[in-house]
Amino acid sequence: MMKIGVIPDSFRVPFKEAVILARDIGAKGLQPYVTEGLLAPENLSKQQRKEILNFVKDNGLVFSALCADFNMKFSDPENNGADIRR
């Protein structure tokens, strides 16, 4: 079953607080922005990713989607390799 997620940034509080608020309103999933800030891939170690995932799971939620608008132009073949990896 597909789970619709809330965007944690919409609560305008730090991520962990947003997870708790999402749980408390009955959300089943999260759809966070991952283009910059706490959840950007380059800002997280493997251990930190595990900790965040465990925190989300411990609060009864899942990542239902990721907002990954990197403002990339996938129509430019020269940049596709690096853009897709990110």
PDB file of N, CA and C in Angstrom:
ATOM      1  N   MET A   1       0.840  -1.189   0.000  1.00  0.00           N
ATOM      2  CA  MET A   1       0.000   0.000   0.000  1.00  0.00           C
ATOM      3  C   MET A   1       0.883   1.249   0.000  1.00  0.00           C
ATOM      4  N   MET A   2       0.558   2.181  -0.859  1.00  0.00           N
ATOM      5  CA  MET A   2       1.314   3.419  -0.958  1.00  0.00           C
ATOM      6  C   MET A   2       1.000   4.312   0.238  1.00  0.00           C
ATOM      7  N   LYS A   3       2.039   4.920   0.789  1.00  0.00           N
ATOM      8  CA  LYS A   3       1.852   5.827   1.919  1.00  0.00           C
ATOM      9  C   LYS A   3       2.133   7.257   1.457  1.00  0.00           C
ATOM     10  N   ILE A   4       1.207   8.127   1.724  1.00  0.00           N
ATOM     11  CA  ILE A   4       1.377   9.532   1.393  1.00  0.00           C
ATOM     12  C   ILE A   4       2.146  10.182   2.529  1.00  0.00           C
ATOM     13  N   GLY A   5       3.142  10.973   2.185  1.00  0.00           N
ATOM     14  CA  GLY A   5       3.961  11.594   3.210  1.00  0.00           C
ATOM     15  C   GLY A   5       3.771  13.091   3.308  1.00  0.00           C
ATOM     16  N   VAL A   6       4.050  13.595   4.480  1.00  0.00           N
ATOM     17  CA  VAL A   6       4.059  15.041   4.699  1.00  0.00           C
ATOM     18  C   VAL A   6       5.480  15.548   4.509  1.00  0.00           C
ATOM     19  N   ILE A   7       5.605  16.792   4.132  1.00  0.00           N
ATOM     20  CA  ILE A   7       6.919  17.409   3.968  1.00  0.00           C
ATOM     21  C   ILE A   7       7.328  17.991   5.319  1.00  0.00           C
ATOM     22  N   PRO A   8       8.362  17.429   5.950  1.00  0.00           N
ATOM     23  CA  PRO A   8       8.754  17.891   7.288  1.00  0.00           C
ATOM     24  C   PRO A   8       9.023  19.389   7.371  1.00  0.00           C
ATOM     25  N   ASP A   9       9.576  19.970   6.315  1.00  0.00           N
ATOM     26  CA  ASP A   9       9.861  21.412   6.330  1.00  0.00           C
ATOM     27  C   ASP A   9       8.607  22.252   6.526  1.00  0.00           C
ATOM     28  N   SER A  10       7.452  21.703   6.173  1.00  0.00           N
ATOM     29  CA  SER A  10       6.217  22.485   6.297  1.00  0.00           C
ATOM     30  C   SER A  10       5.855  22.782   7.751  1.00  0.00           C
ATOM     31  N   PHE A  11       6.420  22.019   8.686  1.00  0.00           N
ATOM     32  CA  PHE A  11       6.165  22.290  10.098  1.00  0.00           C
ATOM     33  C   PHE A  11       7.017  23.451  10.625  1.00  0.00           C
ATOM     34  N   ARG A  12       8.072  23.799   9.891  1.00  0.00           N
ATOM     35  CA  ARG A  12       8.964  24.914  10.249  1.00  0.00           C
ATOM     36  C   ARG A  12       9.604  24.745  11.620  1.00  0.00           C
ATOM     37  N   VAL A  13      10.007  23.508  11.886  1.00  0.00           N
ATOM     38  CA  VAL A  13      10.754  23.164  13.103  1.00  0.00           C
ATOM     39  C   VAL A  13      11.888  22.235  12.684  1.00  0.00           C
ATOM     40  N   PRO A  14      12.870  21.997  13.549  1.00  0.00           N
ATOM     41  CA  PRO A  14      13.940  21.057  13.205  1.00  0.00           C
ATOM     42  C   PRO A  14      13.377  19.676  12.831  1.00  0.00           C
ATOM     43  N   PHE A  15      14.137  18.933  12.039  1.00  0.00           N
ATOM     44  CA  PHE A  15      13.666  17.676  11.458  1.00  0.00           C
ATOM     45  C   PHE A  15      13.083  16.713  12.491  1.00  0.00           C
ATOM     46  N   LYS A  16      13.795  16.452  13.571  1.00  0.00           N
ATOM     47  CA  LYS A  16      13.294  15.474  14.541  1.00  0.00           C
ATOM     48  C   LYS A  16      11.976  15.927  15.168  1.00  0.00           C
ATOM     49  N   GLU A  17      11.836  17.201  15.411  1.00  0.00           N
ATOM     50  CA  GLU A  17      10.558  17.718  15.923  1.00  0.00           C
ATOM     51  C   GLU A  17       9.458  17.526  14.890  1.00  0.00           C
ATOM     52  N   ALA A  18       9.801  17.728  13.623  1.00  0.00           N
ATOM     53  CA  ALA A  18       8.822  17.557  12.550  1.00  0.00           C
ATOM     54  C   ALA A  18       8.366  16.104  12.448  1.00  0.00           C
ATOM     55  N   VAL A  19       9.281  15.169  12.668  1.00  0.00           N
ATOM     56  CA  VAL A  19       8.916  13.750  12.651  1.00  0.00           C
ATOM     57  C   VAL A  19       7.871  13.478  13.730  1.00  0.00           C
ATOM     58  N   ILE A  20       8.093  13.999  14.904  1.00  0.00           N
ATOM     59  CA  ILE A  20       7.157  13.787  16.014  1.00  0.00           C
ATOM     60  C   ILE A  20       5.806  14.438  15.717  1.00  0.00           C
ATOM     61  N   LEU A  21       5.833  15.642  15.166  1.00  0.00           N
ATOM     62  CA  LEU A  21       4.576  16.311  14.807  1.00  0.00           C
ATOM     63  C   LEU A  21       3.833  15.526  13.731  1.00  0.00           C
ATOM     64  N   ALA A  22       4.563  15.020  12.746  1.00  0.00           N
ATOM     65  CA  ALA A  22       3.944  14.226  11.684  1.00  0.00           C
ATOM     66  C   ALA A  22       3.277  12.986  12.278  1.00  0.00           C
ATOM     67  N   ARG A  23       3.987  12.324  13.161  1.00  0.00           N
ATOM     68  CA  ARG A  23       3.428  11.149  13.844  1.00  0.00           C
ATOM     69  C   ARG A  23       2.157  11.524  14.602  1.00  0.00           C
ATOM     70  N   ASP A  24       2.226  12.632  15.320  1.00  0.00           N
ATOM     71  CA  ASP A  24       1.113  13.033  16.175  1.00  0.00           C
ATOM     72  C   ASP A  24      -0.143  13.426  15.397  1.00  0.00           C
ATOM     73  N   ILE A  25       0.011  13.870  14.152  1.00  0.00           N
ATOM     74  CA  ILE A  25      -1.182  14.202  13.355  1.00  0.00           C
ATOM     75  C   ILE A  25      -1.691  13.003  12.566  1.00  0.00           C
ATOM     76  N   GLY A  26      -0.999  11.870  12.713  1.00  0.00           N
ATOM     77  CA  GLY A  26      -1.464  10.656  12.058  1.00  0.00           C
ATOM     78  C   GLY A  26      -0.866  10.372  10.699  1.00  0.00           C
ATOM     79  N   ALA A  27       0.155  11.103  10.322  1.00  0.00           N
ATOM     80  CA  ALA A  27       0.816  10.828   9.041  1.00  0.00           C
ATOM     81  C   ALA A  27       1.459   9.449   9.108  1.00  0.00           C
ATOM     82  N   LYS A  28       1.616   8.840   7.961  1.00  0.00           N
ATOM     83  CA  LYS A  28       2.258   7.533   7.875  1.00  0.00           C
ATOM     84  C   LYS A  28       3.627   7.615   7.216  1.00  0.00           C
ATOM     85  N   GLY A  29       3.876   8.716   6.503  1.00  0.00           N
ATOM     86  CA  GLY A  29       5.132   8.839   5.790  1.00  0.00           C
ATOM     87  C   GLY A  29       5.652  10.258   5.767  1.00  0.00           C
ATOM     88  N   LEU A  30       6.909  10.366   5.375  1.00  0.00           N
ATOM     89  CA  LEU A  30       7.585  11.657   5.237  1.00  0.00           C
ATOM     90  C   LEU A  30       8.103  11.800   3.818  1.00  0.00           C
ATOM     91  N   GLN A  31       8.082  13.011   3.335  1.00  0.00           N
ATOM     92  CA  GLN A  31       8.627  13.319   2.018  1.00  0.00           C
ATOM     93  C   GLN A  31       9.538  14.536   2.179  1.00  0.00           C
ATOM     94  N   PRO A  32      10.755  14.310   2.686  1.00  0.00           N
ATOM     95  CA  PRO A  32      11.645  15.437   2.969  1.00  0.00           C
ATOM     96  C   PRO A  32      12.414  15.927   1.747  1.00  0.00           C
ATOM     97  N   TYR A  33      12.806  17.184   1.800  1.00  0.00           N
ATOM     98  CA  TYR A  33      13.732  17.730   0.818  1.00  0.00           C
ATOM     99  C   TYR A  33      15.122  17.201   1.136  1.00  0.00           C
ATOM    100  N   VAL A  34      15.841  16.772   0.126  1.00  0.00           N
ATOM    101  CA  VAL A  34      17.188  16.236   0.338  1.00  0.00           C
ATOM    102  C   VAL A  34      18.223  16.957  -0.522  1.00  0.00           C
ATOM    103  N   THR A  35      17.871  18.141  -0.970  1.00  0.00           N
ATOM    104  CA  THR A  35      18.779  18.873  -1.849  1.00  0.00           C
ATOM    105  C   THR A  35      19.818  19.688  -1.096  1.00  0.00           C
ATOM    106  N   GLU A  36      19.544  19.996   0.156  1.00  0.00           N
ATOM    107  CA  GLU A  36      20.486  20.759   0.966  1.00  0.00           C
ATOM    108  C   GLU A  36      20.142  20.551   2.432  1.00  0.00           C
ATOM    109  N   GLY A  37      20.997  21.004   3.304  1.00  0.00           N
ATOM    110  CA  GLY A  37      20.723  20.917   4.727  1.00  0.00           C
ATOM    111  C   GLY A  37      20.989  19.543   5.319  1.00  0.00           C
ATOM    112  N   LEU A  38      20.314  19.264   6.419  1.00  0.00           N
ATOM    113  CA  LEU A  38      20.536  18.050   7.200  1.00  0.00           C
ATOM    114  C   LEU A  38      20.498  16.778   6.368  1.00  0.00           C
ATOM    115  N   LEU A  39      19.540  16.642   5.472  1.00  0.00           N
ATOM    116  CA  LEU A  39      19.344  15.383   4.767  1.00  0.00           C
ATOM    117  C   LEU A  39      20.003  15.302   3.393  1.00  0.00           C
ATOM    118  N   ALA A  40      20.777  16.296   3.021  1.00  0.00           N
ATOM    119  CA  ALA A  40      21.507  16.228   1.748  1.00  0.00           C
ATOM    120  C   ALA A  40      22.525  15.094   1.817  1.00  0.00           C
ATOM    121  N   PRO A  41      22.660  14.315   0.760  1.00  0.00           N
ATOM    122  CA  PRO A  41      23.542  13.150   0.805  1.00  0.00           C
ATOM    123  C   PRO A  41      24.972  13.455   1.240  1.00  0.00           C
ATOM    124  N   GLU A  42      25.481  14.577   0.825  1.00  0.00           N
ATOM    125  CA  GLU A  42      26.869  14.916   1.158  1.00  0.00           C
ATOM    126  C   GLU A  42      27.045  15.347   2.613  1.00  0.00           C
ATOM    127  N   ASN A  43      25.955  15.550   3.317  1.00  0.00           N
ATOM    128  CA  ASN A  43      26.017  15.986   4.713  1.00  0.00           C
ATOM    129  C   ASN A  43      25.828  14.857   5.716  1.00  0.00           C
ATOM    130  N   LEU A  44      25.669  13.629   5.237  1.00  0.00           N
ATOM    131  CA  LEU A  44      25.383  12.504   6.129  1.00  0.00           C
ATOM    132  C   LEU A  44      26.381  11.367   5.946  1.00  0.00           C
ATOM    133  N   SER A  45      26.865  10.865   7.051  1.00  0.00           N
ATOM    134  CA  SER A  45      27.676   9.650   7.006  1.00  0.00           C
ATOM    135  C   SER A  45      26.724   8.457   6.953  1.00  0.00           C
ATOM    136  N   LYS A  46      27.260   7.282   6.706  1.00  0.00           N
ATOM    137  CA  LYS A  46      26.443   6.076   6.702  1.00  0.00           C
ATOM    138  C   LYS A  46      25.762   5.895   8.061  1.00  0.00           C
ATOM    139  N   GLN A  47      26.498   6.123   9.123  1.00  0.00           N
ATOM    140  CA  GLN A  47      25.939   5.989  10.476  1.00  0.00           C
ATOM    141  C   GLN A  47      24.816   6.996  10.726  1.00  0.00           C
ATOM    142  N   GLN A  48      25.004   8.225  10.288  1.00  0.00           N
ATOM    143  CA  GLN A  48      23.966   9.243  10.470  1.00  0.00           C
ATOM    144  C   GLN A  48      22.696   8.883   9.691  1.00  0.00           C
ATOM    145  N   ARG A  49      22.870   8.340   8.486  1.00  0.00           N
ATOM    146  CA  ARG A  49      21.701   7.913   7.711  1.00  0.00           C
ATOM    147  C   ARG A  49      20.928   6.826   8.465  1.00  0.00           C
ATOM    148  N   LYS A  50      21.658   5.876   9.039  1.00  0.00           N
ATOM    149  CA  LYS A  50      21.011   4.815   9.813  1.00  0.00           C
ATOM    150  C   LYS A  50      20.271   5.384  11.016  1.00  0.00           C
ATOM    151  N   GLU A  51      20.894   6.332  11.705  1.00  0.00           N
ATOM    152  CA  GLU A  51      20.264   6.936  12.885  1.00  0.00           C
ATOM    153  C   GLU A  51      18.972   7.661  12.513  1.00  0.00           C
ATOM    154  N   ILE A  52      18.999   8.396  11.416  1.00  0.00           N
ATOM    155  CA  ILE A  52      17.799   9.116  10.976  1.00  0.00           C
ATOM    156  C   ILE A  52      16.713   8.118  10.588  1.00  0.00           C
ATOM    157  N   LEU A  53      17.082   7.098   9.830  1.00  0.00           N
ATOM    158  CA  LEU A  53      16.103   6.091   9.432  1.00  0.00           C
ATOM    159  C   LEU A  53      15.499   5.410  10.653  1.00  0.00           C
ATOM    160  N   ASN A  54      16.328   5.052  11.617  1.00  0.00           N
ATOM    161  CA  ASN A  54      15.823   4.413  12.837  1.00  0.00           C
ATOM    162  C   ASN A  54      14.895   5.342  13.615  1.00  0.00           C
ATOM    163  N   PHE A  55      15.228   6.627  13.683  1.00  0.00           N
ATOM    164  CA  PHE A  55      14.371   7.585  14.384  1.00  0.00           C
ATOM    165  C   PHE A  55      13.002   7.667  13.707  1.00  0.00           C
ATOM    166  N   VAL A  56      13.015   7.715  12.390  1.00  0.00           N
ATOM    167  CA  VAL A  56      11.753   7.769  11.640  1.00  0.00           C
ATOM    168  C   VAL A  56      10.945   6.497  11.897  1.00  0.00           C
ATOM    169  N   LYS A  57      11.593   5.342  11.787  1.00  0.00           N
ATOM    170  CA  LYS A  57      10.899   4.068  12.019  1.00  0.00           C
ATOM    171  C   LYS A  57      10.387   3.952  13.449  1.00  0.00           C
ATOM    172  N   ASP A  58      11.209   4.378  14.410  1.00  0.00           N
ATOM    173  CA  ASP A  58      10.809   4.304  15.820  1.00  0.00           C
ATOM    174  C   ASP A  58       9.561   5.136  16.108  1.00  0.00           C
ATOM    175  N   ASN A  59       9.290   6.106  15.260  1.00  0.00           N
ATOM    176  CA  ASN A  59       8.101   6.939  15.405  1.00  0.00           C
ATOM    177  C   ASN A  59       6.960   6.482  14.498  1.00  0.00           C
ATOM    178  N   GLY A  60       7.101   5.269  13.949  1.00  0.00           N
ATOM    179  CA  GLY A  60       6.020   4.671  13.170  1.00  0.00           C
ATOM    180  C   GLY A  60       5.848   5.218  11.769  1.00  0.00           C
ATOM    181  N   LEU A  61       6.885   5.862  11.239  1.00  0.00           N
ATOM    182  CA  LEU A  61       6.794   6.476   9.921  1.00  0.00           C
ATOM    183  C   LEU A  61       7.768   5.820   8.946  1.00  0.00           C
ATOM    184  N   VAL A  62       7.570   6.113   7.678  1.00  0.00           N
ATOM    185  CA  VAL A  62       8.479   5.689   6.619  1.00  0.00           C
ATOM    186  C   VAL A  62       8.809   6.903   5.762  1.00  0.00           C
ATOM    187  N   PHE A  63       9.868   6.786   4.992  1.00  0.00           N
ATOM    188  CA  PHE A  63      10.126   7.772   3.946  1.00  0.00           C
ATOM    189  C   PHE A  63       9.312   7.317   2.742  1.00  0.00           C
ATOM    190  N   SER A  64       8.252   8.032   2.443  1.00  0.00           N
ATOM    191  CA  SER A  64       7.401   7.647   1.319  1.00  0.00           C
ATOM    192  C   SER A  64       7.930   8.173  -0.003  1.00  0.00           C
ATOM    193  N   ALA A  65       8.743   9.208   0.058  1.00  0.00           N
ATOM    194  CA  ALA A  65       9.357   9.786  -1.140  1.00  0.00           C
ATOM    195  C   ALA A  65      10.421  10.769  -0.691  1.00  0.00           C
ATOM    196  N   LEU A  66      11.265  11.160  -1.619  1.00  0.00           N
ATOM    197  CA  LEU A  66      12.271  12.193  -1.369  1.00  0.00           C
ATOM    198  C   LEU A  66      12.070  13.310  -2.377  1.00  0.00           C
ATOM    199  N   CYS A  67      12.098  14.542  -1.922  1.00  0.00           N
ATOM    200  CA  CYS A  67      12.053  15.693  -2.817  1.00  0.00           C
ATOM    201  C   CYS A  67      13.498  15.989  -3.202  1.00  0.00           C
ATOM    202  N   ALA A  68      13.840  15.667  -4.408  1.00  0.00           N
ATOM    203  CA  ALA A  68      15.230  15.797  -4.838  1.00  0.00           C
ATOM    204  C   ALA A  68      15.358  16.684  -6.061  1.00  0.00           C
ATOM    205  N   ASP A  69      14.756  17.834  -5.992  1.00  0.00           N
ATOM    206  CA  ASP A  69      14.860  18.782  -7.093  1.00  0.00           C
ATOM    207  C   ASP A  69      16.209  19.475  -6.984  1.00  0.00           C
ATOM    208  N   PHE A  70      17.189  18.912  -7.647  1.00  0.00           N
ATOM    209  CA  PHE A  70      18.534  19.467  -7.598  1.00  0.00           C
ATOM    210  C   PHE A  70      18.715  20.585  -8.616  1.00  0.00           C
ATOM    211  N   ASN A  71      17.628  21.012  -9.252  1.00  0.00           N
ATOM    212  CA  ASN A  71      17.678  22.052 -10.270  1.00  0.00           C
ATOM    213  C   ASN A  71      18.627  21.661 -11.386  1.00  0.00           C
ATOM    214  N   MET A  72      18.543  20.398 -11.752  1.00  0.00           N
ATOM    215  CA  MET A  72      19.435  19.868 -12.772  1.00  0.00           C
ATOM    216  C   MET A  72      18.742  19.842 -14.117  1.00  0.00           C
ATOM    217  N   LYS A  73      19.546  19.840 -15.126  1.00  0.00           N
ATOM    218  CA  LYS A  73      19.043  19.800 -16.491  1.00  0.00           C
ATOM    219  C   LYS A  73      19.462  18.456 -17.091  1.00  0.00           C
ATOM    220  N   PHE A  74      18.641  17.432 -16.864  1.00  0.00           N
ATOM    221  CA  PHE A  74      18.986  16.096 -17.312  1.00  0.00           C
ATOM    222  C   PHE A  74      19.043  15.968 -18.827  1.00  0.00           C
ATOM    223  N   SER A  75      18.627  17.003 -19.525  1.00  0.00           N
ATOM    224  CA  SER A  75      18.716  16.952 -20.985  1.00  0.00           C
ATOM    225  C   SER A  75      20.122  17.257 -21.476  1.00  0.00           C
ATOM    226  N   ASP A  76      21.035  17.646 -20.577  1.00  0.00           N
ATOM    227  CA  ASP A  76      22.424  17.939 -20.946  1.00  0.00           C
ATOM    228  C   ASP A  76      23.274  16.692 -20.678  1.00  0.00           C
ATOM    229  N   PRO A  77      23.559  15.903 -21.709  1.00  0.00           N
ATOM    230  CA  PRO A  77      24.282  14.639 -21.534  1.00  0.00           C
ATOM    231  C   PRO A  77      25.632  14.779 -20.838  1.00  0.00           C
ATOM    232  N   GLU A  78      26.286  15.914 -20.969  1.00  0.00           N
ATOM    233  CA  GLU A  78      27.597  16.091 -20.348  1.00  0.00           C
ATOM    234  C   GLU A  78      27.527  16.110 -18.827  1.00  0.00           C
ATOM    235  N   ASN A  79      26.416  16.518 -18.270  1.00  0.00           N
ATOM    236  CA  ASN A  79      26.272  16.602 -16.820  1.00  0.00           C
ATOM    237  C   ASN A  79      25.508  15.435 -16.201  1.00  0.00           C
ATOM    238  N   ASN A  80      24.921  14.604 -17.012  1.00  0.00           N
ATOM    239  CA  ASN A  80      24.041  13.545 -16.487  1.00  0.00           C
ATOM    240  C   ASN A  80      24.728  12.627 -15.490  1.00  0.00           C
ATOM    241  N   GLY A  81      25.950  12.213 -15.750  1.00  0.00           N
ATOM    242  CA  GLY A  81      26.626  11.265 -14.854  1.00  0.00           C
ATOM    243  C   GLY A  81      26.696  11.753 -13.428  1.00  0.00           C
ATOM    244  N   ALA A  82      27.218  12.943 -13.223  1.00  0.00           N
ATOM    245  CA  ALA A  82      27.367  13.495 -11.862  1.00  0.00           C
ATOM    246  C   ALA A  82      26.005  13.797 -11.247  1.00  0.00           C
ATOM    247  N   ASP A  83      25.078  14.319 -12.042  1.00  0.00           N
ATOM    248  CA  ASP A  83      23.758  14.661 -11.517  1.00  0.00           C
ATOM    249  C   ASP A  83      23.008  13.423 -11.057  1.00  0.00           C
ATOM    250  N   ILE A  84      23.054  12.373 -11.829  1.00  0.00           N
ATOM    251  CA  ILE A  84      22.332  11.150 -11.472  1.00  0.00           C
ATOM    252  C   ILE A  84      22.941  10.505 -10.248  1.00  0.00           C
ATOM    253  N   ARG A  85      24.268  10.485 -10.148  1.00  0.00           N
ATOM    254  CA  ARG A  85      24.906   9.915  -8.950  1.00  0.00           C
ATOM    255  C   ARG A  85      24.477  10.655  -7.692  1.00  0.00           C
ATOM    256  N   ARG A  86      24.405  11.958  -7.759  1.00  0.00           N
ATOM    257  CA  ARG A  86      23.997  12.718  -6.569  1.00  0.00           C
ATOM    258  C   ARG A  86      22.567  12.397  -6.228  1.00  0.00           C
TER     259      ARG A  86
END
